[in-house]
């Protein structure tokens, strides 16, 4: 894996068994191809998250189901989380990626906004906490994918700790330094 910076459309075309011209017919630039892969990946992840939430009646249940599903996906293919983590970094490093990304196209973000909005509507989350709850979800998922996707046991511990925290089951004891 060469990464975004070192990969060329010629490399991609060769790996795909097509000509560079054929690749450019579908994707005018490397950034457009990279964004297309992201969007397709997000659609697949969002579908798995949505299916995992079927039958859940609360935000905590939905988030727990999403975290468990993220672990299942990571167990099946850790490169998925690693790709999403790399995309977040590459998007900040390369302006052309941001320009290729269609506005309001992030299905995962929409999925979580809808989930939190439902919790606000149901009275589980006060409207003033909407933003912080969305930030917490982002921190949990980004942390799991960026920091723990390469170690399944650590990933599982992170999922279990997040679920326990949401259920009020973790107590933190301050460390006293002498």
N, C-alpha and C. Protein backbone atom coordinates (compact mmCIF):
# COMPACT_ATOMS: atom_id res chain seq x y z
N UNK A 1 0.85 -1.17 0.00
CA UNK A 1 0.00 0.00 0.00
C UNK A 1 0.90 1.24 0.00
N UNK A 2 0.73 2.08 -1.00
CA UNK A 2 1.60 3.24 -1.18
C UNK A 2 1.07 4.49 -0.49
N UNK A 3 -0.20 4.54 -0.20
CA UNK A 3 -0.78 5.75 0.36
C UNK A 3 -1.18 6.72 -0.74
N UNK A 4 -1.96 7.72 -0.36
CA UNK A 4 -2.49 8.67 -1.35
C UNK A 4 -1.37 9.40 -2.09
N UNK A 5 -0.41 9.90 -1.33
CA UNK A 5 0.64 10.73 -1.93
C UNK A 5 1.46 9.99 -2.97
N UNK A 6 1.81 8.74 -2.71
CA UNK A 6 2.72 8.00 -3.58
C UNK A 6 2.01 7.16 -4.63
N UNK A 7 0.71 7.11 -4.59
CA UNK A 7 -0.04 6.34 -5.57
C UNK A 7 -0.36 7.23 -6.76
N UNK A 8 -0.22 6.65 -7.94
CA UNK A 8 -0.57 7.38 -9.17
C UNK A 8 -1.75 6.68 -9.84
N UNK A 9 -2.42 7.39 -10.71
CA UNK A 9 -3.51 6.77 -11.46
C UNK A 9 -2.97 5.63 -12.33
N UNK A 10 -1.73 5.75 -12.76
CA UNK A 10 -1.11 4.65 -13.53
C UNK A 10 -1.00 3.41 -12.66
N UNK A 11 -0.55 3.55 -11.39
CA UNK A 11 -0.49 2.41 -10.47
C UNK A 11 -1.86 1.76 -10.33
N UNK A 12 -2.87 2.60 -10.12
CA UNK A 12 -4.23 2.12 -9.89
C UNK A 12 -4.74 1.38 -11.13
N UNK A 13 -4.55 1.97 -12.30
CA UNK A 13 -5.01 1.35 -13.54
C UNK A 13 -4.32 0.00 -13.76
N UNK A 14 -3.03 -0.05 -13.51
CA UNK A 14 -2.29 -1.30 -13.68
C UNK A 14 -2.84 -2.37 -12.74
N UNK A 15 -3.04 -2.02 -11.46
CA UNK A 15 -3.59 -2.98 -10.49
C UNK A 15 -4.99 -3.44 -10.89
N UNK A 16 -5.77 -2.53 -11.47
CA UNK A 16 -7.15 -2.87 -11.88
C UNK A 16 -7.19 -3.58 -13.22
N UNK A 17 -6.07 -3.62 -13.93
CA UNK A 17 -6.03 -4.30 -15.23
C UNK A 17 -6.70 -3.51 -16.34
N UNK A 18 -6.67 -2.19 -16.21
CA UNK A 18 -7.25 -1.33 -17.25
C UNK A 18 -6.21 -0.29 -17.65
N UNK A 19 -6.51 0.45 -18.68
CA UNK A 19 -5.60 1.51 -19.10
C UNK A 19 -5.83 2.76 -18.26
N UNK A 20 -4.82 3.60 -18.23
CA UNK A 20 -4.95 4.87 -17.53
C UNK A 20 -6.06 5.71 -18.16
N UNK A 21 -6.18 5.65 -19.48
CA UNK A 21 -7.23 6.41 -20.16
C UNK A 21 -8.61 5.94 -19.71
N UNK A 22 -8.78 4.64 -19.55
CA UNK A 22 -10.07 4.11 -19.09
C UNK A 22 -10.37 4.60 -17.68
N UNK A 23 -9.35 4.64 -16.84
CA UNK A 23 -9.54 5.14 -15.47
C UNK A 23 -9.96 6.60 -15.50
N UNK A 24 -9.27 7.40 -16.33
CA UNK A 24 -9.60 8.83 -16.41
C UNK A 24 -11.00 9.06 -17.00
N UNK A 25 -11.51 8.09 -17.75
CA UNK A 25 -12.87 8.20 -18.28
C UNK A 25 -13.88 8.26 -17.13
N UNK A 26 -13.61 7.51 -16.07
CA UNK A 26 -14.53 7.45 -14.93
C UNK A 26 -14.19 8.44 -13.83
N UNK A 27 -12.91 8.70 -13.66
CA UNK A 27 -12.45 9.58 -12.58
C UNK A 27 -11.45 10.58 -13.13
N UNK A 28 -11.82 11.86 -13.18
CA UNK A 28 -10.94 12.87 -13.78
C UNK A 28 -9.63 13.10 -13.03
N UNK A 29 -9.58 12.69 -11.75
CA UNK A 29 -8.35 12.90 -10.99
C UNK A 29 -8.21 11.82 -9.93
N UNK A 30 -7.02 11.72 -9.39
CA UNK A 30 -6.78 10.78 -8.30
C UNK A 30 -7.66 11.13 -7.10
N UNK A 31 -7.82 12.42 -6.82
CA UNK A 31 -8.66 12.85 -5.70
C UNK A 31 -10.11 12.41 -5.91
N UNK A 32 -10.60 12.52 -7.14
CA UNK A 32 -11.98 12.09 -7.42
C UNK A 32 -12.15 10.59 -7.18
N UNK A 33 -11.16 9.80 -7.57
CA UNK A 33 -11.21 8.37 -7.33
C UNK A 33 -11.17 8.06 -5.84
N UNK A 34 -10.30 8.74 -5.12
CA UNK A 34 -10.15 8.54 -3.67
C UNK A 34 -11.46 8.87 -2.94
N UNK A 35 -12.07 9.97 -3.33
CA UNK A 35 -13.34 10.37 -2.72
C UNK A 35 -14.44 9.36 -3.08
N UNK A 36 -14.43 8.85 -4.31
CA UNK A 36 -15.42 7.84 -4.70
C UNK A 36 -15.30 6.59 -3.83
N UNK A 37 -14.07 6.19 -3.54
CA UNK A 37 -13.86 5.03 -2.67
C UNK A 37 -14.38 5.35 -1.26
N UNK A 38 -14.10 6.55 -0.78
CA UNK A 38 -14.60 6.94 0.54
C UNK A 38 -16.12 6.87 0.59
N UNK A 39 -16.78 7.49 -0.40
CA UNK A 39 -18.24 7.55 -0.38
C UNK A 39 -18.85 6.15 -0.44
N UNK A 40 -18.27 5.30 -1.25
CA UNK A 40 -18.77 3.92 -1.35
C UNK A 40 -18.56 3.18 -0.02
N UNK A 41 -17.42 3.41 0.59
CA UNK A 41 -17.11 2.79 1.88
C UNK A 41 -18.10 3.28 2.94
N UNK A 42 -18.34 4.58 2.97
CA UNK A 42 -19.27 5.13 3.96
C UNK A 42 -20.68 4.59 3.77
N UNK A 43 -21.11 4.42 2.54
CA UNK A 43 -22.45 3.86 2.29
C UNK A 43 -22.53 2.45 2.85
N UNK A 44 -21.49 1.67 2.65
CA UNK A 44 -21.46 0.30 3.16
C UNK A 44 -21.45 0.28 4.69
N UNK A 45 -20.62 1.12 5.30
CA UNK A 45 -20.54 1.19 6.77
C UNK A 45 -21.87 1.66 7.34
N UNK A 46 -22.44 2.70 6.75
CA UNK A 46 -23.71 3.23 7.24
C UNK A 46 -24.81 2.18 7.17
N UNK A 47 -24.83 1.38 6.12
CA UNK A 47 -25.84 0.32 6.00
C UNK A 47 -25.66 -0.72 7.12
N UNK A 48 -24.42 -1.05 7.42
CA UNK A 48 -24.16 -2.00 8.51
C UNK A 48 -24.57 -1.41 9.86
N UNK A 49 -24.26 -0.13 10.08
CA UNK A 49 -24.65 0.52 11.33
C UNK A 49 -26.17 0.59 11.45
N UNK A 50 -26.82 0.95 10.37
CA UNK A 50 -28.28 1.06 10.39
C UNK A 50 -28.92 -0.30 10.72
N UNK A 51 -28.42 -1.35 10.08
CA UNK A 51 -28.95 -2.70 10.34
C UNK A 51 -28.70 -3.10 11.79
N UNK A 52 -27.54 -2.74 12.32
CA UNK A 52 -27.21 -3.09 13.71
C UNK A 52 -28.16 -2.41 14.70
N UNK A 53 -28.67 -1.26 14.33
CA UNK A 53 -29.55 -0.50 15.23
C UNK A 53 -31.01 -0.95 15.18
N UNK A 54 -31.32 -1.84 14.26
CA UNK A 54 -32.70 -2.32 14.15
C UNK A 54 -33.14 -2.92 15.49
N UNK A 55 -34.27 -2.46 15.98
CA UNK A 55 -34.82 -2.96 17.22
C UNK A 55 -34.31 -2.24 18.47
N UNK A 56 -33.35 -1.35 18.31
CA UNK A 56 -32.85 -0.59 19.46
C UNK A 56 -33.82 0.55 19.75
N UNK A 57 -34.06 0.79 21.04
CA UNK A 57 -35.06 1.80 21.39
C UNK A 57 -34.49 3.05 22.04
N UNK A 58 -33.20 3.08 22.31
CA UNK A 58 -32.63 4.26 22.94
C UNK A 58 -31.30 4.61 22.28
N UNK A 59 -30.84 5.81 22.53
CA UNK A 59 -29.57 6.25 21.99
C UNK A 59 -28.43 5.38 22.51
N UNK A 60 -28.44 5.05 23.78
CA UNK A 60 -27.38 4.22 24.34
C UNK A 60 -27.37 2.84 23.68
N UNK A 61 -28.55 2.27 23.46
CA UNK A 61 -28.63 0.98 22.77
C UNK A 61 -28.11 1.10 21.34
N UNK A 62 -28.51 2.16 20.64
CA UNK A 62 -28.05 2.35 19.26
C UNK A 62 -26.54 2.52 19.19
N UNK A 63 -26.00 3.33 20.08
CA UNK A 63 -24.55 3.54 20.08
C UNK A 63 -23.82 2.25 20.43
N UNK A 64 -24.35 1.51 21.38
CA UNK A 64 -23.76 0.21 21.72
C UNK A 64 -23.76 -0.73 20.53
N UNK A 65 -24.88 -0.76 19.81
CA UNK A 65 -24.98 -1.61 18.63
C UNK A 65 -23.99 -1.16 17.55
N UNK A 66 -23.84 0.14 17.37
CA UNK A 66 -22.88 0.67 16.39
C UNK A 66 -21.46 0.29 16.80
N UNK A 67 -21.14 0.44 18.07
CA UNK A 67 -19.79 0.09 18.53
C UNK A 67 -19.51 -1.39 18.33
N UNK A 68 -20.50 -2.24 18.66
CA UNK A 68 -20.31 -3.68 18.44
C UNK A 68 -20.14 -3.99 16.95
N UNK A 69 -20.93 -3.32 16.11
CA UNK A 69 -20.81 -3.54 14.67
C UNK A 69 -19.46 -3.06 14.16
N UNK A 70 -18.98 -1.95 14.70
CA UNK A 70 -17.67 -1.46 14.27
C UNK A 70 -16.60 -2.49 14.62
N UNK A 71 -16.76 -3.16 15.75
CA UNK A 71 -15.80 -4.21 16.12
C UNK A 71 -15.90 -5.41 15.17
N UNK A 72 -17.12 -5.80 14.83
CA UNK A 72 -17.30 -6.91 13.87
C UNK A 72 -16.64 -6.56 12.54
N UNK A 73 -16.89 -5.34 12.06
CA UNK A 73 -16.29 -4.92 10.79
C UNK A 73 -14.77 -4.90 10.89
N UNK A 74 -14.26 -4.42 12.01
CA UNK A 74 -12.81 -4.37 12.18
C UNK A 74 -12.22 -5.78 12.25
N UNK A 75 -12.96 -6.72 12.85
CA UNK A 75 -12.50 -8.11 12.90
C UNK A 75 -12.46 -8.72 11.51
N UNK A 76 -13.43 -8.36 10.68
CA UNK A 76 -13.51 -8.89 9.32
C UNK A 76 -12.44 -8.28 8.41
N UNK A 77 -12.21 -6.97 8.56
CA UNK A 77 -11.28 -6.28 7.67
C UNK A 77 -10.76 -5.00 8.31
N UNK A 78 -9.64 -5.09 9.03
CA UNK A 78 -9.12 -3.89 9.70
C UNK A 78 -8.69 -2.79 8.73
N UNK A 79 -8.47 -3.14 7.47
CA UNK A 79 -8.05 -2.12 6.51
C UNK A 79 -9.16 -1.09 6.26
N UNK A 80 -10.40 -1.45 6.53
CA UNK A 80 -11.52 -0.52 6.37
C UNK A 80 -11.36 0.67 7.31
N UNK A 81 -11.17 0.40 8.59
CA UNK A 81 -10.97 1.48 9.57
C UNK A 81 -9.68 2.24 9.26
N UNK A 82 -8.66 1.52 8.84
CA UNK A 82 -7.39 2.16 8.53
C UNK A 82 -7.52 3.10 7.32
N UNK A 83 -8.33 2.69 6.33
CA UNK A 83 -8.58 3.57 5.18
C UNK A 83 -9.30 4.84 5.63
N UNK A 84 -10.33 4.68 6.46
CA UNK A 84 -11.07 5.85 6.93
C UNK A 84 -10.17 6.78 7.75
N UNK A 85 -9.29 6.20 8.55
CA UNK A 85 -8.34 7.01 9.33
C UNK A 85 -7.38 7.74 8.40
N UNK A 86 -6.88 7.04 7.40
CA UNK A 86 -5.95 7.67 6.45
C UNK A 86 -6.64 8.77 5.66
N UNK A 87 -7.90 8.54 5.30
CA UNK A 87 -8.63 9.57 4.56
C UNK A 87 -8.72 10.86 5.37
N UNK A 88 -9.04 10.72 6.67
CA UNK A 88 -9.15 11.92 7.51
C UNK A 88 -7.85 12.72 7.50
N UNK A 89 -6.73 12.03 7.53
CA UNK A 89 -5.43 12.71 7.50
C UNK A 89 -5.17 13.31 6.13
N UNK A 90 -5.37 12.50 5.09
CA UNK A 90 -5.12 12.98 3.72
C UNK A 90 -6.00 14.17 3.35
N UNK A 91 -7.22 14.18 3.83
CA UNK A 91 -8.14 15.28 3.55
C UNK A 91 -7.59 16.60 4.09
N UNK A 92 -6.93 16.55 5.22
CA UNK A 92 -6.34 17.76 5.80
C UNK A 92 -5.05 18.16 5.09
N UNK A 93 -4.34 17.19 4.55
CA UNK A 93 -3.05 17.45 3.91
C UNK A 93 -3.17 17.89 2.45
N UNK A 94 -4.24 17.48 1.79
CA UNK A 94 -4.34 17.69 0.35
C UNK A 94 -5.65 18.41 0.02
N UNK A 95 -5.54 19.68 -0.34
CA UNK A 95 -6.73 20.49 -0.65
C UNK A 95 -7.58 19.90 -1.76
N UNK A 96 -6.94 19.22 -2.71
CA UNK A 96 -7.71 18.68 -3.84
C UNK A 96 -8.72 17.62 -3.39
N UNK A 97 -8.46 16.96 -2.30
CA UNK A 97 -9.41 15.96 -1.79
C UNK A 97 -10.65 16.67 -1.27
N UNK A 98 -10.46 17.72 -0.51
CA UNK A 98 -11.59 18.49 0.00
C UNK A 98 -12.43 19.08 -1.13
N UNK A 99 -11.75 19.53 -2.18
CA UNK A 99 -12.49 20.09 -3.33
C UNK A 99 -13.27 19.01 -4.08
N UNK A 100 -12.77 17.78 -4.06
CA UNK A 100 -13.45 16.68 -4.76
C UNK A 100 -14.60 16.10 -3.95
N UNK A 101 -14.61 16.37 -2.65
CA UNK A 101 -15.64 15.82 -1.78
C UNK A 101 -16.92 16.65 -1.89
N UNK A 102 -18.00 16.05 -2.38
CA UNK A 102 -19.25 16.81 -2.52
C UNK A 102 -19.76 17.29 -1.16
N UNK A 103 -20.32 18.47 -1.16
CA UNK A 103 -20.89 19.04 0.06
C UNK A 103 -22.01 18.13 0.57
N UNK A 104 -22.05 17.94 1.87
CA UNK A 104 -23.12 17.17 2.54
C UNK A 104 -23.22 15.74 2.02
N UNK A 105 -22.09 15.14 1.66
CA UNK A 105 -22.13 13.79 1.11
C UNK A 105 -21.76 12.72 2.13
N UNK A 106 -21.39 13.11 3.32
CA UNK A 106 -20.90 12.16 4.31
C UNK A 106 -22.07 11.43 4.96
N UNK A 107 -22.40 10.25 4.44
CA UNK A 107 -23.56 9.51 4.92
C UNK A 107 -23.42 9.11 6.38
N UNK A 108 -22.20 8.86 6.83
CA UNK A 108 -21.99 8.49 8.23
C UNK A 108 -22.36 9.66 9.14
N UNK A 109 -21.93 10.86 8.76
CA UNK A 109 -22.26 12.04 9.57
C UNK A 109 -23.77 12.24 9.64
N UNK A 110 -24.43 12.07 8.52
CA UNK A 110 -25.90 12.22 8.47
C UNK A 110 -26.56 11.16 9.35
N UNK A 111 -26.06 9.94 9.28
CA UNK A 111 -26.60 8.85 10.10
C UNK A 111 -26.54 9.22 11.58
N UNK A 112 -25.38 9.71 12.04
CA UNK A 112 -25.25 10.04 13.46
C UNK A 112 -26.04 11.28 13.84
N UNK A 113 -26.10 12.27 12.95
CA UNK A 113 -26.95 13.44 13.24
C UNK A 113 -28.40 13.01 13.39
N UNK A 114 -28.86 12.14 12.49
CA UNK A 114 -30.24 11.64 12.59
C UNK A 114 -30.46 10.87 13.90
N UNK A 115 -29.47 10.05 14.29
CA UNK A 115 -29.58 9.28 15.51
C UNK A 115 -29.71 10.20 16.73
N UNK A 116 -28.87 11.22 16.78
CA UNK A 116 -28.90 12.14 17.92
C UNK A 116 -30.16 12.99 17.87
N UNK A 117 -30.55 13.43 16.67
CA UNK A 117 -31.79 14.21 16.55
C UNK A 117 -32.99 13.41 17.03
N UNK A 118 -33.00 12.11 16.77
CA UNK A 118 -34.08 11.25 17.26
C UNK A 118 -34.06 11.22 18.78
N UNK A 119 -32.87 11.13 19.36
CA UNK A 119 -32.76 11.12 20.83
C UNK A 119 -33.21 12.45 21.43
N UNK A 120 -32.93 13.55 20.73
CA UNK A 120 -33.42 14.86 21.19
C UNK A 120 -34.94 14.89 21.10
N UNK A 121 -35.47 14.43 19.98
CA UNK A 121 -36.92 14.40 19.78
C UNK A 121 -37.62 13.52 20.81
N UNK A 122 -36.97 12.41 21.19
CA UNK A 122 -37.56 11.49 22.18
C UNK A 122 -37.36 11.97 23.61
N UNK A 123 -36.65 13.06 23.80
CA UNK A 123 -36.41 13.58 25.14
C UNK A 123 -35.26 12.93 25.88
N UNK A 124 -34.49 12.08 25.20
CA UNK A 124 -33.34 11.43 25.84
C UNK A 124 -32.16 12.38 26.00
N UNK A 125 -32.04 13.30 25.06
CA UNK A 125 -30.93 14.24 25.04
C UNK A 125 -31.50 15.64 24.98
N UNK A 126 -31.07 16.52 25.88
CA UNK A 126 -31.56 17.90 25.79
C UNK A 126 -31.02 18.56 24.52
N UNK A 127 -31.80 19.42 23.91
CA UNK A 127 -31.33 20.08 22.68
C UNK A 127 -29.96 20.74 22.84
N UNK A 128 -29.69 21.28 24.01
CA UNK A 128 -28.40 21.95 24.23
C UNK A 128 -27.23 20.97 24.24
N UNK A 129 -27.49 19.66 24.38
CA UNK A 129 -26.43 18.66 24.42
C UNK A 129 -26.21 17.99 23.05
N UNK A 130 -26.97 18.39 22.05
CA UNK A 130 -26.85 17.77 20.73
C UNK A 130 -25.42 17.81 20.21
N UNK A 131 -24.83 18.99 20.18
CA UNK A 131 -23.46 19.14 19.69
C UNK A 131 -22.45 18.34 20.47
N UNK A 132 -22.46 18.43 21.81
CA UNK A 132 -21.52 17.62 22.59
C UNK A 132 -21.69 16.12 22.38
N UNK A 133 -22.93 15.65 22.24
CA UNK A 133 -23.15 14.22 22.02
C UNK A 133 -22.58 13.81 20.66
N UNK A 134 -22.80 14.62 19.63
CA UNK A 134 -22.21 14.32 18.32
C UNK A 134 -20.68 14.31 18.40
N UNK A 135 -20.12 15.24 19.16
CA UNK A 135 -18.66 15.26 19.33
C UNK A 135 -18.17 14.01 20.04
N UNK A 136 -18.90 13.57 21.05
CA UNK A 136 -18.51 12.35 21.77
C UNK A 136 -18.54 11.14 20.85
N UNK A 137 -19.56 11.04 20.02
CA UNK A 137 -19.65 9.92 19.08
C UNK A 137 -18.45 9.95 18.13
N UNK A 138 -18.13 11.12 17.62
CA UNK A 138 -16.98 11.25 16.71
C UNK A 138 -15.70 10.83 17.40
N UNK A 139 -15.51 11.29 18.64
CA UNK A 139 -14.30 10.93 19.39
C UNK A 139 -14.22 9.42 19.57
N UNK A 140 -15.32 8.79 19.94
CA UNK A 140 -15.32 7.35 20.15
C UNK A 140 -14.94 6.60 18.87
N UNK A 141 -15.61 6.93 17.79
CA UNK A 141 -15.38 6.17 16.55
C UNK A 141 -14.02 6.48 15.93
N UNK A 142 -13.62 7.74 15.95
CA UNK A 142 -12.31 8.08 15.39
C UNK A 142 -11.22 7.45 16.26
N UNK A 143 -11.38 7.50 17.56
CA UNK A 143 -10.39 6.89 18.44
C UNK A 143 -10.27 5.39 18.21
N UNK A 144 -11.40 4.72 18.05
CA UNK A 144 -11.36 3.28 17.80
C UNK A 144 -10.70 2.96 16.47
N UNK A 145 -11.04 3.72 15.43
CA UNK A 145 -10.48 3.40 14.12
C UNK A 145 -9.02 3.84 14.00
N UNK A 146 -8.69 5.01 14.52
CA UNK A 146 -7.34 5.52 14.35
C UNK A 146 -6.34 4.89 15.31
N UNK A 147 -6.75 4.64 16.54
CA UNK A 147 -5.80 4.19 17.55
C UNK A 147 -5.84 2.69 17.83
N UNK A 148 -6.93 2.02 17.48
CA UNK A 148 -7.06 0.64 17.93
C UNK A 148 -7.41 -0.36 16.84
N UNK A 149 -7.54 0.05 15.61
CA UNK A 149 -7.99 -0.88 14.57
C UNK A 149 -6.97 -1.97 14.27
N UNK A 150 -5.72 -1.76 14.64
CA UNK A 150 -4.71 -2.77 14.34
C UNK A 150 -4.52 -3.80 15.47
N UNK A 151 -5.30 -3.68 16.54
CA UNK A 151 -5.21 -4.61 17.67
C UNK A 151 -6.63 -4.96 18.11
N UNK A 152 -7.10 -6.13 17.71
CA UNK A 152 -8.49 -6.52 17.96
C UNK A 152 -8.83 -6.58 19.45
N UNK A 153 -7.90 -7.03 20.27
CA UNK A 153 -8.19 -7.08 21.71
C UNK A 153 -8.31 -5.68 22.29
N UNK A 154 -7.43 -4.77 21.90
CA UNK A 154 -7.51 -3.39 22.37
C UNK A 154 -8.79 -2.74 21.84
N UNK A 155 -9.15 -3.05 20.60
CA UNK A 155 -10.38 -2.51 20.01
C UNK A 155 -11.58 -2.98 20.82
N UNK A 156 -11.63 -4.26 21.14
CA UNK A 156 -12.74 -4.80 21.92
C UNK A 156 -12.80 -4.15 23.30
N UNK A 157 -11.63 -3.98 23.94
CA UNK A 157 -11.60 -3.31 25.25
C UNK A 157 -12.13 -1.89 25.13
N UNK A 158 -11.75 -1.19 24.05
CA UNK A 158 -12.24 0.17 23.84
C UNK A 158 -13.74 0.21 23.65
N UNK A 159 -14.27 -0.71 22.86
CA UNK A 159 -15.73 -0.80 22.66
C UNK A 159 -16.42 -1.08 23.99
N UNK A 160 -15.92 -2.07 24.72
CA UNK A 160 -16.54 -2.43 26.00
C UNK A 160 -16.47 -1.28 27.00
N UNK A 161 -15.36 -0.57 27.04
CA UNK A 161 -15.22 0.56 27.96
C UNK A 161 -16.18 1.68 27.59
N UNK A 162 -16.32 1.96 26.30
CA UNK A 162 -17.25 3.01 25.86
C UNK A 162 -18.68 2.64 26.21
N UNK A 163 -19.05 1.38 26.01
CA UNK A 163 -20.40 0.95 26.34
C UNK A 163 -20.64 1.02 27.85
N UNK A 164 -19.65 0.65 28.63
CA UNK A 164 -19.78 0.73 30.09
C UNK A 164 -19.90 2.18 30.53
N UNK A 165 -19.13 3.05 29.92
CA UNK A 165 -19.20 4.48 30.26
C UNK A 165 -20.58 5.03 29.95
N UNK A 166 -21.12 4.67 28.79
CA UNK A 166 -22.45 5.15 28.42
C UNK A 166 -23.53 4.62 29.37
N UNK A 167 -23.30 3.43 29.92
CA UNK A 167 -24.26 2.84 30.84
C UNK A 167 -24.01 3.28 32.29
N UNK A 168 -23.00 4.13 32.47
CA UNK A 168 -22.69 4.62 33.81
C UNK A 168 -21.91 3.62 34.64
N UNK A 169 -21.22 2.70 33.98
CA UNK A 169 -20.55 1.62 34.71
C UNK A 169 -19.07 1.77 34.94
N UNK A 170 -18.49 2.90 34.60
CA UNK A 170 -17.06 3.09 34.84
C UNK A 170 -16.90 4.22 35.84
N UNK A 171 -16.11 3.95 36.86
CA UNK A 171 -15.80 5.03 37.80
C UNK A 171 -14.31 5.30 37.70
N UNK A 172 -13.97 6.55 37.71
CA UNK A 172 -12.58 6.94 37.61
C UNK A 172 -12.09 7.39 38.98
N UNK A 173 -11.01 6.81 39.40
CA UNK A 173 -10.42 7.17 40.68
C UNK A 173 -9.22 8.08 40.37
N UNK A 174 -9.22 9.28 40.91
CA UNK A 174 -8.10 10.17 40.62
C UNK A 174 -6.80 9.61 41.17
N UNK A 175 -5.74 9.80 40.41
CA UNK A 175 -4.42 9.37 40.81
C UNK A 175 -3.81 10.46 41.69
N UNK A 176 -3.36 10.06 42.86
CA UNK A 176 -2.78 11.03 43.80
C UNK A 176 -1.26 10.94 43.70
N UNK A 177 -0.64 12.04 43.39
CA UNK A 177 0.82 12.09 43.30
C UNK A 177 1.36 12.65 44.60
N UNK A 178 2.36 12.04 45.11
CA UNK A 178 2.98 12.51 46.36
C UNK A 178 4.33 13.09 46.11
